[in-house]
Amino acid sequence: MDKIIKTYIGLRYKAKDTVEGIVKTLNNNPKAETIELYARGNAISIAIDVLEILKRELSIEKSNIQTNTKEIMNERGHTSNTSEITITLPFQKIK
């Protein structure tokens, strides 16, 4: 099992549903040490909501947030800038 739980956040699921999935994954992975959340564009606000819920439910105090801008080309050949965020949360199981 992986020590890092990677979660890509999109607009399809609500923040609470994403948190439930992460918690289930953590319960099934006793070696997990880190949670990483990835989001782009409009999904960034959902990623922040997931972050705050996880911090509250799992008593996580520290987080590392990195932001970036990525240039994306559409099917017509036009480019546009899209914001992206990576949130890293250290996690230790409570024994």
Protein backbone atom coordinates (compact mmCIF):
# COMPACT_ATOMS: atom_id res chain seq x y z
CA MET A 1 0.00 0.00 0.00
CA ASP A 2 1.11 3.58 -0.64
CA LYS A 3 2.25 5.99 2.03
CA ILE A 4 0.79 8.87 0.01
CA ILE A 5 -2.95 9.09 -0.69
CA LYS A 6 -3.37 11.14 -3.90
CA THR A 7 -6.77 12.62 -4.63
CA TYR A 8 -7.68 14.55 -7.78
CA ILE A 9 -10.58 16.89 -7.07
CA GLY A 10 -13.08 17.81 -9.74
CA LEU A 11 -16.52 19.34 -10.00
CA ARG A 12 -18.35 16.01 -10.15
CA TYR A 13 -18.48 15.25 -6.41
CA LYS A 14 -19.28 17.40 -3.42
CA ALA A 15 -16.61 18.11 -0.81
CA LYS A 16 -18.23 15.87 1.82
CA ASP A 17 -18.36 12.91 -0.61
CA THR A 18 -14.67 13.38 -1.41
CA VAL A 19 -13.82 13.49 2.30
CA GLU A 20 -15.73 10.25 2.88
CA GLY A 21 -13.74 8.56 0.12
CA ILE A 22 -10.44 9.79 1.56
CA VAL A 23 -11.36 8.60 5.06
CA LYS A 24 -12.33 5.15 3.72
CA THR A 25 -9.01 4.95 1.88
CA LEU A 26 -7.13 5.95 5.04
CA ASN A 27 -8.95 3.28 7.05
CA ASN A 28 -7.98 0.63 4.47
CA ASN A 29 -4.36 1.80 4.27
CA PRO A 30 -2.61 1.58 7.66
CA LYS A 31 0.71 2.78 6.19
CA ALA A 32 -0.66 6.11 4.94
CA GLU A 33 1.42 9.08 6.05
CA THR A 34 0.42 11.86 3.66
CA ILE A 35 -2.72 13.07 1.89
CA GLU A 36 -2.24 15.04 -1.34
CA LEU A 37 -5.10 16.96 -2.93
CA TYR A 38 -4.85 18.21 -6.53
CA ALA A 39 -7.29 20.60 -8.22
CA ARG A 40 -7.49 23.00 -11.16
CA GLY A 41 -9.72 25.90 -12.09
CA ASN A 42 -13.18 25.95 -10.55
CA ALA A 43 -12.44 22.81 -8.51
CA ILE A 44 -9.97 24.76 -6.32
CA SER A 45 -12.77 26.00 -4.07
CA ILE A 46 -13.92 22.40 -3.53
CA ALA A 47 -10.32 21.39 -2.68
CA ILE A 48 -10.19 24.12 -0.02
CA ASP A 49 -13.48 22.87 1.44
CA VAL A 50 -12.10 19.31 1.51
CA LEU A 51 -8.96 20.60 3.22
CA GLU A 52 -10.91 22.35 5.96
CA ILE A 53 -13.20 19.37 6.58
CA LEU A 54 -10.22 16.96 6.77
CA LYS A 55 -8.35 19.27 9.14
CA ARG A 56 -11.38 19.41 11.43
CA GLU A 57 -12.32 15.71 11.28
CA LEU A 58 -8.78 14.29 11.50
CA SER A 59 -7.31 16.96 13.81
CA ILE A 60 -4.63 17.91 11.28
CA GLU A 61 -2.90 21.16 12.18
CA LYS A 62 -0.35 21.67 9.42
CA SER A 63 -0.78 21.80 5.67
CA ASN A 64 1.42 22.77 2.75
CA ILE A 65 -0.27 24.59 -0.14
CA GLN A 66 1.36 25.19 -3.51
CA THR A 67 -0.22 27.14 -6.34
CA ASN A 68 0.73 27.31 -9.99
CA THR A 69 -0.56 28.52 -13.33
CA LYS A 70 -0.61 26.07 -16.22
CA GLU A 71 -1.02 26.93 -19.88
CA ILE A 72 -3.53 24.63 -21.56
CA MET A 73 -4.22 24.36 -25.30
CA ASN A 74 -7.76 23.58 -26.43
CA GLU A 75 -8.76 21.58 -29.50
CA ARG A 76 -8.79 24.74 -31.67
CA GLY A 77 -5.18 25.52 -30.81
CA HIS A 78 -5.90 28.45 -28.48
CA THR A 79 -4.09 28.56 -25.16
CA SER A 80 -5.45 29.73 -21.84
CA ASN A 81 -4.04 29.95 -18.35
CA THR A 82 -5.52 27.74 -15.63
CA SER A 83 -4.76 27.92 -11.93
CA GLU A 84 -3.89 24.74 -10.09
CA ILE A 85 -3.32 23.89 -6.45
CA THR A 86 -1.57 21.07 -4.60
CA ILE A 87 -2.34 20.62 -0.90
CA THR A 88 -0.21 18.27 1.20
CA LEU A 89 -1.43 17.12 4.62
CA PRO A 90 0.67 15.01 6.99
CA PHE A 91 -1.39 12.27 8.60
CA GLN A 92 -0.81 10.01 11.58
CA LYS A 93 -3.32 7.45 12.73
CA ILE A 94 -4.56 7.86 16.26
CA LYS A 95 -3.78 4.69 18.17
